[in-house]
Protein backbone atom coordinates (compact mmCIF):
# COMPACT_ATOMS: atom_id res chain seq x y z
CA MET A 1 -30.44 13.99 -88.20
CA ALA A 2 -32.99 14.52 -85.42
CA PHE A 3 -33.90 17.97 -84.24
CA ILE A 4 -35.09 18.78 -80.72
CA HIS A 5 -37.80 21.36 -80.39
CA SER A 6 -36.74 24.51 -78.50
CA SER A 7 -39.47 24.00 -75.90
CA THR A 8 -38.00 20.58 -75.10
CA ILE A 9 -34.55 22.08 -74.69
CA THR A 10 -35.98 24.76 -72.41
CA PHE A 11 -37.72 22.12 -70.32
CA LEU A 12 -34.56 19.98 -70.02
CA LEU A 13 -32.47 22.99 -69.03
CA SER A 14 -35.03 23.99 -66.43
CA GLN A 15 -34.93 20.48 -64.96
CA LEU A 16 -31.14 20.54 -64.82
CA PHE A 17 -31.20 23.94 -63.12
CA PHE A 18 -33.77 22.70 -60.61
CA ALA A 19 -31.64 19.64 -59.81
CA TYR A 20 -28.56 21.84 -59.32
CA PHE A 21 -30.49 24.28 -57.16
CA MET A 22 -31.82 21.53 -54.92
CA THR A 23 -28.26 20.21 -54.48
CA ALA A 24 -26.76 23.64 -53.84
CA TYR A 25 -29.53 24.93 -51.61
CA ALA A 26 -31.62 22.83 -49.26
CA ALA A 27 -34.29 24.27 -47.01
CA GLY A 28 -37.10 23.33 -44.74
CA ASN A 29 -38.42 19.86 -45.26
CA PHE A 30 -36.85 17.15 -43.12
CA TYR A 31 -38.32 14.35 -45.24
CA GLN A 32 -36.41 15.68 -48.26
CA ASN A 33 -33.14 16.51 -46.55
CA PHE A 34 -32.55 13.95 -43.78
CA ASP A 35 -32.69 10.27 -42.94
CA ILE A 36 -33.39 8.97 -39.44
CA THR A 37 -30.51 6.59 -38.83
CA TRP A 38 -31.07 5.07 -35.41
CA GLY A 39 -33.31 5.10 -32.36
CA ASP A 40 -35.97 2.47 -33.12
CA GLY A 41 -38.82 4.95 -33.40
CA ARG A 42 -37.44 7.53 -30.96
CA ALA A 43 -36.80 10.05 -33.76
CA ASN A 44 -39.80 11.48 -35.56
CA ILE A 45 -40.47 13.87 -38.43
CA LEU A 46 -43.67 15.82 -37.80
CA ASP A 47 -45.80 18.69 -39.17
CA ASN A 48 -45.45 17.65 -42.82
CA GLY A 49 -41.68 17.62 -42.57
CA GLN A 50 -41.29 20.96 -40.80
CA LEU A 51 -40.30 19.58 -37.38
CA LEU A 52 -37.98 16.81 -36.26
CA THR A 53 -37.67 15.49 -32.70
CA LEU A 54 -35.07 13.24 -31.11
CA SER A 55 -35.79 11.29 -27.94
CA LEU A 56 -33.63 9.58 -25.33
CA ASP A 57 -34.67 7.06 -22.70
CA LYS A 58 -32.75 4.50 -20.68
CA ALA A 59 -32.82 1.97 -23.52
CA SER A 60 -31.57 4.18 -26.34
CA GLY A 61 -31.08 7.60 -27.83
CA SER A 62 -31.67 8.52 -31.49
CA GLY A 63 -30.14 10.33 -34.42
CA PHE A 64 -30.35 11.48 -38.03
CA GLN A 65 -28.09 12.48 -40.90
CA SER A 66 -28.37 14.55 -44.07
CA LYS A 67 -29.03 12.92 -47.41
CA ASN A 68 -26.52 15.28 -49.06
CA GLU A 69 -22.83 15.83 -48.48
CA TYR A 70 -21.36 19.33 -48.48
CA LEU A 71 -17.93 20.62 -49.43
CA PHE A 72 -18.15 24.09 -47.90
CA GLY A 73 -21.49 25.62 -47.03
CA ASN A 74 -23.51 28.08 -45.00
CA ILE A 75 -25.71 25.95 -42.76
CA ASP A 76 -28.43 26.93 -40.28
CA MET A 77 -30.52 24.81 -37.95
CA GLN A 78 -32.90 25.87 -35.21
CA LEU A 79 -32.79 23.74 -32.05
CA LYS A 80 -34.76 23.67 -28.84
CA LEU A 81 -32.85 21.66 -26.27
CA VAL A 82 -33.95 19.18 -23.62
CA PRO A 83 -35.69 21.16 -20.83
CA GLY A 84 -35.55 20.68 -17.08
CA ASN A 85 -33.05 18.29 -15.55
CA SER A 86 -31.01 17.34 -18.61
CA ALA A 87 -27.85 16.32 -16.71
CA GLY A 88 -25.97 13.50 -18.41
CA THR A 89 -27.51 14.08 -21.83
CA VAL A 90 -25.69 15.37 -24.90
CA THR A 91 -27.35 16.81 -27.99
CA ALA A 92 -24.76 16.67 -30.78
CA TYR A 93 -25.13 18.62 -34.03
CA TYR A 94 -22.14 18.46 -36.36
CA LEU A 95 -20.60 18.01 -39.79
CA SER A 96 -18.33 15.03 -40.39
CA SER A 97 -16.60 13.08 -43.15
CA LYS A 98 -15.65 9.41 -43.01
CA GLY A 99 -12.36 7.56 -42.65
CA SER A 100 -9.44 7.56 -40.23
CA ASN A 101 -8.33 11.05 -41.30
CA TRP A 102 -11.77 12.58 -41.07
CA ASP A 103 -12.77 16.24 -40.84
CA GLU A 104 -15.42 17.42 -38.38
CA ILE A 105 -17.09 20.60 -37.12
CA ASP A 106 -18.90 20.15 -33.80
CA PHE A 107 -21.67 21.73 -31.80
CA GLU A 108 -22.38 19.66 -28.68
CA PHE A 109 -24.82 20.75 -26.00
CA LEU A 110 -24.05 19.31 -22.57
CA GLY A 111 -27.09 19.10 -20.32
CA ASN A 112 -27.25 20.14 -16.68
CA VAL A 113 -29.46 19.97 -13.62
CA SER A 114 -32.47 22.25 -13.52
CA GLY A 115 -31.55 25.90 -13.12
CA GLU A 116 -27.93 25.41 -14.19
CA PRO A 117 -26.77 26.50 -17.64
CA TYR A 118 -26.17 24.28 -20.62
CA ILE A 119 -22.58 24.12 -21.84
CA LEU A 120 -22.10 24.65 -25.57
CA HIS A 121 -19.04 22.59 -26.55
CA THR A 122 -17.34 23.24 -29.91
CA ASN A 123 -14.50 21.44 -31.66
CA VAL A 124 -12.77 21.30 -35.05
CA PHE A 125 -11.10 18.17 -36.44
CA SER A 126 -8.84 18.34 -39.49
CA GLN A 127 -7.29 15.20 -40.94
CA GLY A 128 -8.33 13.27 -37.83
CA LYS A 129 -6.76 15.78 -35.42
CA GLY A 130 -9.04 17.47 -32.91
CA ASN A 131 -8.29 18.64 -29.36
CA ARG A 132 -9.49 22.14 -30.28
CA GLU A 133 -12.28 22.50 -27.75
CA GLN A 134 -13.88 25.77 -26.80
CA GLN A 135 -16.84 25.86 -24.42
CA PHE A 136 -19.41 28.55 -23.75
CA TYR A 137 -22.41 29.36 -21.65
CA LEU A 138 -25.27 30.92 -23.59
CA TRP A 139 -26.85 34.29 -22.87
CA PHE A 140 -30.38 32.83 -23.01
CA ASP A 141 -32.24 29.69 -21.99
CA PRO A 142 -31.81 27.32 -24.97
CA THR A 143 -34.66 25.11 -23.74
CA ALA A 144 -37.37 27.76 -23.68
CA ASP A 145 -37.55 28.36 -27.43
CA PHE A 146 -35.84 27.63 -30.73
CA HIS A 147 -32.53 29.33 -31.50
CA THR A 148 -30.45 29.27 -34.66
CA TYR A 149 -27.05 27.54 -34.63
CA SER A 150 -25.00 28.16 -37.76
CA ILE A 151 -21.81 26.94 -39.39
CA LEU A 152 -20.17 29.04 -42.09
CA TRP A 153 -17.50 26.94 -43.79
CA ASN A 154 -15.60 28.40 -46.70
CA PRO A 155 -12.00 28.02 -47.96
CA GLN A 156 -10.74 30.77 -45.64
CA ARG A 157 -12.46 30.08 -42.33
CA ILE A 158 -15.04 28.27 -40.22
CA VAL A 159 -17.38 30.44 -38.16
CA PHE A 160 -19.69 29.12 -35.44
CA SER A 161 -22.66 31.43 -34.81
CA VAL A 162 -25.64 31.53 -32.46
CA ASP A 163 -28.65 33.60 -33.54
CA GLY A 164 -26.40 35.40 -36.01
CA THR A 165 -23.71 36.22 -33.44
CA ALA A 166 -20.31 34.69 -34.17
CA ILE A 167 -18.91 32.86 -31.14
CA ARG A 168 -15.87 31.18 -32.70
CA GLU A 169 -13.71 31.51 -35.79
CA PHE A 170 -11.21 28.91 -36.99
CA LYS A 171 -9.11 30.36 -39.78
CA ASN A 172 -7.28 28.63 -42.58
CA MET A 173 -3.65 28.59 -41.43
CA GLU A 174 -2.24 26.09 -43.88
CA SER A 175 0.63 28.50 -44.48
CA LYS A 176 1.66 27.83 -40.86
CA GLY A 177 1.40 24.07 -41.23
CA VAL A 178 -2.12 23.67 -39.76
CA ALA A 179 -4.31 21.33 -41.82
CA PHE A 180 -7.57 22.93 -42.93
CA LEU A 181 -10.87 21.32 -43.84
CA LYS A 182 -11.00 21.74 -47.61
CA SER A 183 -11.01 18.43 -49.47
CA GLN A 184 -13.47 16.11 -47.71
CA ALA A 185 -17.20 16.47 -48.18
CA MET A 186 -19.18 16.14 -44.96
CA ARG A 187 -22.70 15.17 -43.98
CA ILE A 188 -24.74 16.82 -41.26
CA TYR A 189 -25.40 14.60 -38.25
CA SER A 190 -27.32 15.01 -35.03
CA SER A 191 -27.95 12.72 -32.09
CA LEU A 192 -29.31 12.76 -28.56
CA TRP A 193 -27.54 10.30 -26.30
CA ASN A 194 -26.54 9.49 -22.74
CA ALA A 195 -23.02 10.58 -21.74
CA ASP A 196 -23.30 10.70 -17.97
CA ASP A 197 -19.85 9.18 -17.64
CA TRP A 198 -18.35 12.58 -18.60
CA ALA A 199 -20.87 15.20 -19.74
CA THR A 200 -21.98 16.87 -16.50
CA ARG A 201 -19.27 17.92 -14.07
CA GLY A 202 -16.93 15.30 -15.47
CA GLY A 203 -19.43 12.52 -14.87
CA LEU A 204 -20.21 13.37 -11.24
CA VAL A 205 -23.87 14.07 -12.04
CA LYS A 206 -25.72 11.11 -13.52
CA THR A 207 -28.78 11.02 -15.74
CA ASP A 208 -32.07 10.95 -13.82
CA TRP A 209 -34.07 8.45 -15.83
CA ASN A 210 -37.21 9.43 -13.96
CA GLN A 211 -37.16 12.53 -16.18
CA ALA A 212 -37.15 10.47 -19.40
CA PRO A 213 -37.98 10.64 -22.21
CA PHE A 214 -35.66 13.55 -22.95
CA ILE A 215 -36.62 15.37 -26.16
CA ALA A 216 -34.77 17.83 -28.40
CA SER A 217 -36.50 19.55 -31.33
CA TYR A 218 -35.31 20.85 -34.72
CA ARG A 219 -36.79 23.12 -37.36
CA ASN A 220 -35.97 25.64 -40.13
CA PHE A 221 -32.98 23.88 -41.65
CA ASN A 222 -31.20 25.78 -44.41
CA ALA A 223 -28.04 24.85 -46.29
CA ASP A 224 -26.54 27.03 -49.01
CA ALA A 225 -23.72 25.20 -50.80
CA SER A 226 -23.54 27.32 -53.94
CA SER A 227 -20.00 28.73 -54.24
CA SER A 228 -21.34 31.58 -56.36
CA ASN A 229 -22.95 33.18 -53.30
CA ALA A 230 -21.41 35.75 -50.99
CA TRP A 231 -20.77 33.35 -48.10
CA TYR A 232 -18.04 31.59 -50.10
CA SER A 233 -15.65 34.50 -49.49
CA GLN A 234 -17.36 35.95 -46.41
CA GLN A 235 -15.32 37.17 -43.47
CA LEU A 236 -16.25 38.82 -40.20
CA ASP A 237 -16.78 42.55 -40.44
CA SER A 238 -15.86 44.90 -37.58
CA THR A 239 -19.27 44.61 -35.92
CA SER A 240 -19.14 40.82 -36.06
CA GLN A 241 -15.61 40.87 -34.64
CA GLN A 242 -16.80 43.01 -31.74
CA ARG A 243 -19.65 40.61 -31.02
CA LEU A 244 -17.26 37.68 -31.20
CA SER A 245 -14.98 39.35 -28.65
CA TRP A 246 -17.98 40.12 -26.42
CA VAL A 247 -19.06 36.46 -26.40
CA GLN A 248 -15.55 35.17 -25.78
CA LYS A 249 -14.87 37.63 -22.97
CA ASN A 250 -18.18 37.11 -21.19
CA TYR A 251 -19.38 33.59 -22.01
CA MET A 252 -16.37 31.45 -22.91
CA ILE A 253 -15.58 29.04 -20.06
CA TYR A 254 -12.85 26.97 -21.70
CA ASN A 255 -10.35 27.64 -24.50
CA TYR A 256 -7.75 25.03 -25.38
CA CYS A 257 -5.41 27.80 -26.47
CA ASN A 258 -5.16 28.91 -22.83
CA ASP A 259 -4.62 25.41 -21.41
CA THR A 260 -0.85 25.32 -20.90
CA LYS A 261 -1.17 22.38 -18.48
CA ARG A 262 -2.77 20.30 -21.19
CA PHE A 263 -0.01 21.12 -23.68
CA PRO A 264 3.21 21.06 -21.62
CA GLN A 265 5.30 20.77 -24.78
CA GLY A 266 3.79 23.98 -26.14
CA LEU A 267 0.44 25.21 -27.38
CA PRO A 268 -0.85 24.06 -30.78
CA THR A 269 0.50 25.94 -33.76
CA GLU A 270 -2.71 27.84 -34.45
CA CYS A 271 -2.64 29.19 -30.90
CA ILE A 272 0.87 30.62 -31.08
CA THR A 273 1.02 31.88 -34.65
CA GLN A 274 -1.57 34.55 -34.02
CA CYS A 275 -3.88 35.86 -31.33
CA PHE A 276 -6.36 33.08 -31.81
CA GLU A 277 -9.89 33.97 -32.85
CA SER A 278 -9.41 37.68 -32.02
CA LEU A 279 -9.06 37.13 -28.27
CA CYS A 280 -5.66 36.83 -26.60
CA ARG A 281 -4.92 36.12 -23.00
CA VAL A 282 -1.56 37.36 -21.79
CA LYS A 283 0.18 37.09 -18.46
CA ASN A 284 0.39 40.33 -16.54
CA GLY A 285 2.07 40.18 -13.17
CA GLY A 286 0.78 36.66 -12.55
CA LYS A 287 -2.75 37.58 -13.62
CA GLU A 288 -4.44 37.03 -16.93
CA LYS A 289 -6.10 39.80 -18.87
CA ASP A 290 -7.96 39.88 -22.16
CA GLU A 291 -6.65 41.81 -25.11
CA ASP A 292 -8.69 42.39 -28.24
CA GLN A 293 -6.22 42.38 -31.10
CA ASN A 294 -8.52 43.72 -33.79
């Protein structure tokens, strides 16, 4: 019978722990965490893996995806968006699974002409069903510096945050018959592409290729996928709920749960089973008013 020295066992255990840690928690280096998937040289990893840039010109955009898949996670990425006249361009940053009944959590940044605000477009797909768009203006210039865009995804909720401020919460409402994202692992994707057929004022404003190449930049990626950490059961505290209401009251420009014309047969279930995402809009003498239900 062969015996293994205790130092060997210690070494093997340490290697197993390191492998688990790298799977559960990824930070920083783009070489280690991402693959450039398309763009024919228009995407570049720079500064020893600390910076990634995507580029778009008339011939092509570019994109990347994570090496790892995640089933729940607390994910941060800092982005600096295309400056100047970015009309027609879309910078997409999202989680997605594969297949016809895919799950997806979307940040999409819709460019605009110089001096006009970006539109931050969000959506949630569960089992291939989306149509859950909410759109926001931002309270800063997202092209002047890097800002942190975060997705908290645990079994109870999905929270979209910007610089630590929650802007949207999608709760698990399986008890009401709403499919939740809980069984399909997802990769992180990002791309910079031309969408001037719809992105800016419904396609009225086209991309000005004289401004190309358009460049978006990424840094300080962090992904915590260890279910033993606090984020796995995290919910919004009262301060976070107040900030969420502040963003939705002052910066939300579209909410599918208010779009009765779009849903003439009735609003989606998650909109009518509760005051969705802590902000309700109720009719009052023909006018709409906001009510914070927290």
